[in-house]
Structures are given as structure tokens and as C-alpha cells.
């Protein structure tokens, strides 16, 4: 069951490089993110994600997954119009 909408999906060049290099099916990562499996986020971020799902929330939803030896972030904006895949170097 999907907990929220993803909106438009975008990726930074470094995220594209990791995904291509490790041949990761991005649909699997997006499905995990959208179902509430936030991967390797901190306990605090997990709680913030839970609160972000409340209808009155204006917070983003963030997941972190290891892809090979690299970390990949998925962030859905508060208005649920845009989801971005990015890497640490993109922050």
C-alpha cells in the first residue's frame, strides 16, 4: 500500500551514475520509499517521516538506501509534487 504520492521523479547526475553502475531497478527503491520502508534513516528521521504523512504536515519524506557501497537518498517534497534521487555529494 502506497502511503503518499511521489509526483514527478527526478535524479541528479551522480544518482544516475550509481543506479546505472550497480544496475539498480529504481522502481524497487521508489516502491520501498512509498510504502514506508525508509531504509537506513535515523530513528529521528523515521519519526519525522511518520509525522510527514499526516494530512496537515508540511514536511518532506526521506529515505536512505545503500546501493552497493554508495548511499542513495530519496526525498519527496512536502507538497508531494516532486521526488528526487540524490547522493551525499548532492547535499
N, C-alpha and C. Protein backbone atom coordinates (compact mmCIF):
# COMPACT_ATOMS: atom_id res chain seq x y z
N UNK A 1 0.83 -1.18 0.00
CA UNK A 1 0.00 0.00 0.00
C UNK A 1 0.89 1.25 0.00
N UNK A 2 0.62 2.15 -0.92
CA UNK A 2 1.39 3.39 -1.01
C UNK A 2 0.86 4.39 0.01
N UNK A 3 1.77 5.00 0.75
CA UNK A 3 1.40 5.93 1.80
C UNK A 3 1.27 7.37 1.33
N UNK A 4 1.88 7.68 0.18
CA UNK A 4 1.85 9.05 -0.34
C UNK A 4 2.19 9.01 -1.83
N UNK A 5 1.91 10.12 -2.49
CA UNK A 5 2.23 10.27 -3.91
C UNK A 5 3.67 10.73 -4.08
N UNK A 6 4.29 10.32 -5.17
CA UNK A 6 5.67 10.70 -5.45
C UNK A 6 5.78 11.96 -6.30
N UNK A 7 4.77 12.25 -7.08
CA UNK A 7 4.86 13.37 -8.02
C UNK A 7 5.85 13.06 -9.12
N UNK A 8 6.45 14.08 -9.68
CA UNK A 8 7.47 13.93 -10.73
C UNK A 8 8.74 13.36 -10.11
N UNK A 9 9.35 12.40 -10.80
CA UNK A 9 10.59 11.76 -10.33
C UNK A 9 11.77 12.41 -11.06
N UNK A 10 12.75 12.87 -10.28
CA UNK A 10 13.97 13.42 -10.87
C UNK A 10 15.18 12.75 -10.22
N UNK A 11 16.31 12.81 -10.91
CA UNK A 11 17.56 12.24 -10.39
C UNK A 11 18.71 13.17 -10.71
N UNK A 12 19.63 13.29 -9.78
CA UNK A 12 20.83 14.06 -10.04
C UNK A 12 21.78 13.21 -10.90
N UNK A 13 22.73 13.83 -11.57
CA UNK A 13 23.68 13.05 -12.37
C UNK A 13 24.44 12.00 -11.55
N UNK A 14 24.82 12.33 -10.32
CA UNK A 14 25.55 11.35 -9.51
C UNK A 14 24.65 10.18 -9.12
N UNK A 15 23.37 10.43 -8.88
CA UNK A 15 22.44 9.34 -8.58
C UNK A 15 22.27 8.45 -9.81
N UNK A 16 22.16 9.05 -10.98
CA UNK A 16 22.05 8.28 -12.22
C UNK A 16 23.27 7.39 -12.39
N UNK A 17 24.43 7.92 -12.10
CA UNK A 17 25.68 7.16 -12.23
C UNK A 17 25.68 5.94 -11.31
N UNK A 18 25.26 6.11 -10.07
CA UNK A 18 25.21 4.98 -9.13
C UNK A 18 24.19 3.95 -9.58
N UNK A 19 23.03 4.41 -9.97
CA UNK A 19 21.97 3.50 -10.40
C UNK A 19 22.40 2.71 -11.62
N UNK A 20 23.02 3.38 -12.57
CA UNK A 20 23.50 2.70 -13.78
C UNK A 20 24.66 1.76 -13.46
N UNK A 21 25.57 2.23 -12.63
CA UNK A 21 26.75 1.42 -12.30
C UNK A 21 26.42 0.13 -11.58
N UNK A 22 25.42 0.18 -10.70
CA UNK A 22 25.04 -1.01 -9.94
C UNK A 22 23.81 -1.71 -10.52
N UNK A 23 23.31 -1.17 -11.65
CA UNK A 23 22.14 -1.75 -12.33
C UNK A 23 20.96 -1.95 -11.37
N UNK A 24 20.64 -0.90 -10.64
CA UNK A 24 19.58 -0.93 -9.64
C UNK A 24 18.24 -0.61 -10.31
N UNK A 25 17.23 -1.44 -10.09
CA UNK A 25 15.90 -1.09 -10.59
C UNK A 25 15.30 0.00 -9.69
N UNK A 26 15.24 1.24 -10.19
CA UNK A 26 14.80 2.34 -9.34
C UNK A 26 13.35 2.16 -8.88
N UNK A 27 12.57 1.43 -9.65
CA UNK A 27 11.18 1.16 -9.24
C UNK A 27 11.13 0.47 -7.89
N UNK A 28 12.07 -0.44 -7.64
CA UNK A 28 12.10 -1.14 -6.35
C UNK A 28 12.38 -0.17 -5.21
N UNK A 29 13.32 0.74 -5.41
CA UNK A 29 13.65 1.73 -4.37
C UNK A 29 12.48 2.68 -4.15
N UNK A 30 11.86 3.13 -5.23
CA UNK A 30 10.73 4.04 -5.10
C UNK A 30 9.55 3.35 -4.41
N UNK A 31 9.33 2.07 -4.71
CA UNK A 31 8.27 1.32 -4.04
C UNK A 31 8.52 1.23 -2.54
N UNK A 32 9.75 0.93 -2.15
CA UNK A 32 10.09 0.86 -0.72
C UNK A 32 9.84 2.20 -0.05
N UNK A 33 10.30 3.26 -0.67
CA UNK A 33 10.13 4.62 -0.15
C UNK A 33 8.64 4.93 0.04
N UNK A 34 7.85 4.65 -0.98
CA UNK A 34 6.43 4.99 -0.97
C UNK A 34 5.63 4.12 0.00
N UNK A 35 6.12 2.93 0.29
CA UNK A 35 5.43 2.02 1.24
C UNK A 35 5.85 2.27 2.69
N UNK A 36 6.83 3.14 2.92
CA UNK A 36 7.24 3.45 4.29
C UNK A 36 8.42 2.66 4.79
N UNK A 37 9.14 1.98 3.89
CA UNK A 37 10.40 1.33 4.24
C UNK A 37 11.50 2.34 3.92
N UNK A 38 11.87 3.12 4.91
CA UNK A 38 12.77 4.25 4.69
C UNK A 38 14.25 3.89 4.72
N UNK A 39 14.54 2.61 4.83
CA UNK A 39 15.93 2.17 4.75
C UNK A 39 16.76 2.56 5.95
N UNK A 40 17.88 3.21 5.69
CA UNK A 40 18.90 3.49 6.70
C UNK A 40 18.81 4.89 7.31
N UNK A 41 17.60 5.39 7.51
CA UNK A 41 17.46 6.70 8.16
C UNK A 41 17.59 6.53 9.67
N UNK A 42 17.90 7.62 10.35
CA UNK A 42 17.99 7.58 11.81
C UNK A 42 16.60 7.42 12.41
N UNK A 43 16.58 7.08 13.69
CA UNK A 43 15.30 6.94 14.39
C UNK A 43 14.52 8.26 14.35
N UNK A 44 15.24 9.36 14.49
CA UNK A 44 14.60 10.68 14.44
C UNK A 44 13.98 10.94 13.07
N UNK A 45 14.72 10.64 12.00
CA UNK A 45 14.18 10.82 10.65
C UNK A 45 12.99 9.90 10.40
N UNK A 46 13.03 8.69 10.95
CA UNK A 46 11.91 7.76 10.79
C UNK A 46 10.65 8.38 11.42
N UNK A 47 10.80 8.94 12.63
CA UNK A 47 9.65 9.58 13.29
C UNK A 47 9.17 10.78 12.49
N UNK A 48 10.10 11.58 11.99
CA UNK A 48 9.72 12.73 11.18
C UNK A 48 8.97 12.32 9.92
N UNK A 49 9.41 11.23 9.30
CA UNK A 49 8.70 10.71 8.13
C UNK A 49 7.27 10.31 8.51
N UNK A 50 7.12 9.66 9.65
CA UNK A 50 5.79 9.24 10.10
C UNK A 50 4.89 10.46 10.28
N UNK A 51 5.43 11.49 10.90
CA UNK A 51 4.65 12.73 11.09
C UNK A 51 4.37 13.42 9.76
N UNK A 52 5.29 13.30 8.82
CA UNK A 52 5.11 13.92 7.50
C UNK A 52 3.93 13.34 6.73
N UNK A 53 3.48 12.15 7.12
CA UNK A 53 2.35 11.53 6.43
C UNK A 53 1.00 12.06 6.90
N UNK A 54 0.99 12.81 8.00
CA UNK A 54 -0.26 13.39 8.49
C UNK A 54 -0.77 14.43 7.49
N UNK A 55 -2.08 14.50 7.28
CA UNK A 55 -2.62 15.41 6.25
C UNK A 55 -2.21 16.87 6.43
N UNK A 56 -2.04 17.33 7.66
CA UNK A 56 -1.71 18.73 7.90
C UNK A 56 -0.20 19.01 7.83
N UNK A 57 0.60 18.00 7.57
CA UNK A 57 2.04 18.15 7.58
C UNK A 57 2.55 18.96 6.39
N UNK A 58 3.65 19.66 6.63
CA UNK A 58 4.35 20.39 5.57
C UNK A 58 5.82 19.96 5.55
N UNK A 59 6.05 18.70 5.83
CA UNK A 59 7.41 18.15 5.89
C UNK A 59 7.67 17.20 4.73
N UNK A 60 8.92 17.02 4.40
CA UNK A 60 9.33 16.10 3.35
C UNK A 60 9.38 14.67 3.91
N UNK A 61 9.43 13.69 3.00
CA UNK A 61 9.65 12.29 3.36
C UNK A 61 11.00 11.90 2.78
N UNK A 62 11.86 11.29 3.61
CA UNK A 62 13.22 10.97 3.17
C UNK A 62 13.56 9.52 3.47
N UNK A 63 14.16 8.87 2.49
CA UNK A 63 14.68 7.52 2.66
C UNK A 63 16.16 7.51 2.28
N UNK A 64 16.89 6.56 2.85
CA UNK A 64 18.30 6.37 2.53
C UNK A 64 18.54 4.88 2.32
N UNK A 65 19.11 4.53 1.18
CA UNK A 65 19.38 3.13 0.86
C UNK A 65 20.84 2.98 0.44
N UNK A 66 21.42 1.86 0.82
CA UNK A 66 22.75 1.53 0.31
C UNK A 66 22.58 0.85 -1.04
N UNK A 67 23.31 1.33 -2.02
CA UNK A 67 23.36 0.74 -3.34
C UNK A 67 24.81 0.36 -3.55
N UNK A 68 25.10 -0.91 -3.42
CA UNK A 68 26.49 -1.34 -3.40
C UNK A 68 27.15 -0.72 -2.19
N UNK A 69 28.20 0.05 -2.40
CA UNK A 69 28.90 0.72 -1.30
C UNK A 69 28.49 2.18 -1.17
N UNK A 70 27.56 2.61 -1.98
CA UNK A 70 27.14 4.02 -2.02
C UNK A 70 25.79 4.21 -1.33
N UNK A 71 25.58 5.41 -0.80
CA UNK A 71 24.29 5.77 -0.22
C UNK A 71 23.50 6.57 -1.25
N UNK A 72 22.21 6.25 -1.32
CA UNK A 72 21.32 6.96 -2.22
C UNK A 72 20.14 7.49 -1.40
N UNK A 73 19.89 8.78 -1.50
CA UNK A 73 18.77 9.39 -0.81
C UNK A 73 17.59 9.52 -1.77
N UNK A 74 16.39 9.34 -1.24
CA UNK A 74 15.17 9.65 -1.98
C UNK A 74 14.39 10.61 -1.10
N UNK A 75 14.08 11.76 -1.65
CA UNK A 75 13.36 12.79 -0.91
C UNK A 75 12.13 13.22 -1.70
N UNK A 76 10.97 13.11 -1.04
CA UNK A 76 9.72 13.59 -1.62
C UNK A 76 9.37 14.90 -0.94
N UNK A 77 9.18 15.93 -1.74
CA UNK A 77 8.88 17.26 -1.22
C UNK A 77 7.57 17.28 -0.44
N UNK A 78 7.42 18.26 0.44
CA UNK A 78 6.22 18.33 1.28
C UNK A 78 4.90 18.36 0.51
N UNK A 79 4.89 18.99 -0.65
CA UNK A 79 3.64 19.07 -1.41
C UNK A 79 3.39 17.83 -2.27
N UNK A 80 4.32 16.86 -2.19
CA UNK A 80 4.21 15.58 -2.91
C UNK A 80 4.16 15.74 -4.42
N UNK A 81 4.73 16.84 -4.91
CA UNK A 81 4.77 17.09 -6.35
C UNK A 81 6.08 16.65 -6.99
N UNK A 82 7.12 16.38 -6.15
CA UNK A 82 8.44 16.08 -6.68
C UNK A 82 9.17 15.12 -5.75
N UNK A 83 9.75 14.08 -6.34
CA UNK A 83 10.62 13.16 -5.61
C UNK A 83 11.96 13.14 -6.33
N UNK A 84 13.03 13.30 -5.54
CA UNK A 84 14.36 13.38 -6.12
C UNK A 84 15.25 12.28 -5.56
N UNK A 85 15.99 11.62 -6.43
CA UNK A 85 17.02 10.66 -6.03
C UNK A 85 18.35 11.39 -6.12
N UNK A 86 19.14 11.33 -5.04
CA UNK A 86 20.39 12.06 -5.00
C UNK A 86 21.39 11.35 -4.12
N UNK A 87 22.64 11.83 -4.16
CA UNK A 87 23.71 11.23 -3.37
C UNK A 87 24.22 12.24 -2.36
N UNK A 88 25.11 11.79 -1.50
CA UNK A 88 25.67 12.65 -0.46
C UNK A 88 26.35 13.88 -1.05
N UNK A 89 27.03 13.70 -2.16
CA UNK A 89 27.73 14.83 -2.77
C UNK A 89 26.76 15.89 -3.30
N UNK A 90 25.49 15.53 -3.44
CA UNK A 90 24.48 16.48 -3.92
C UNK A 90 23.93 17.38 -2.83
N UNK A 91 24.21 17.04 -1.57
CA UNK A 91 23.68 17.85 -0.47
C UNK A 91 24.41 19.16 -0.36
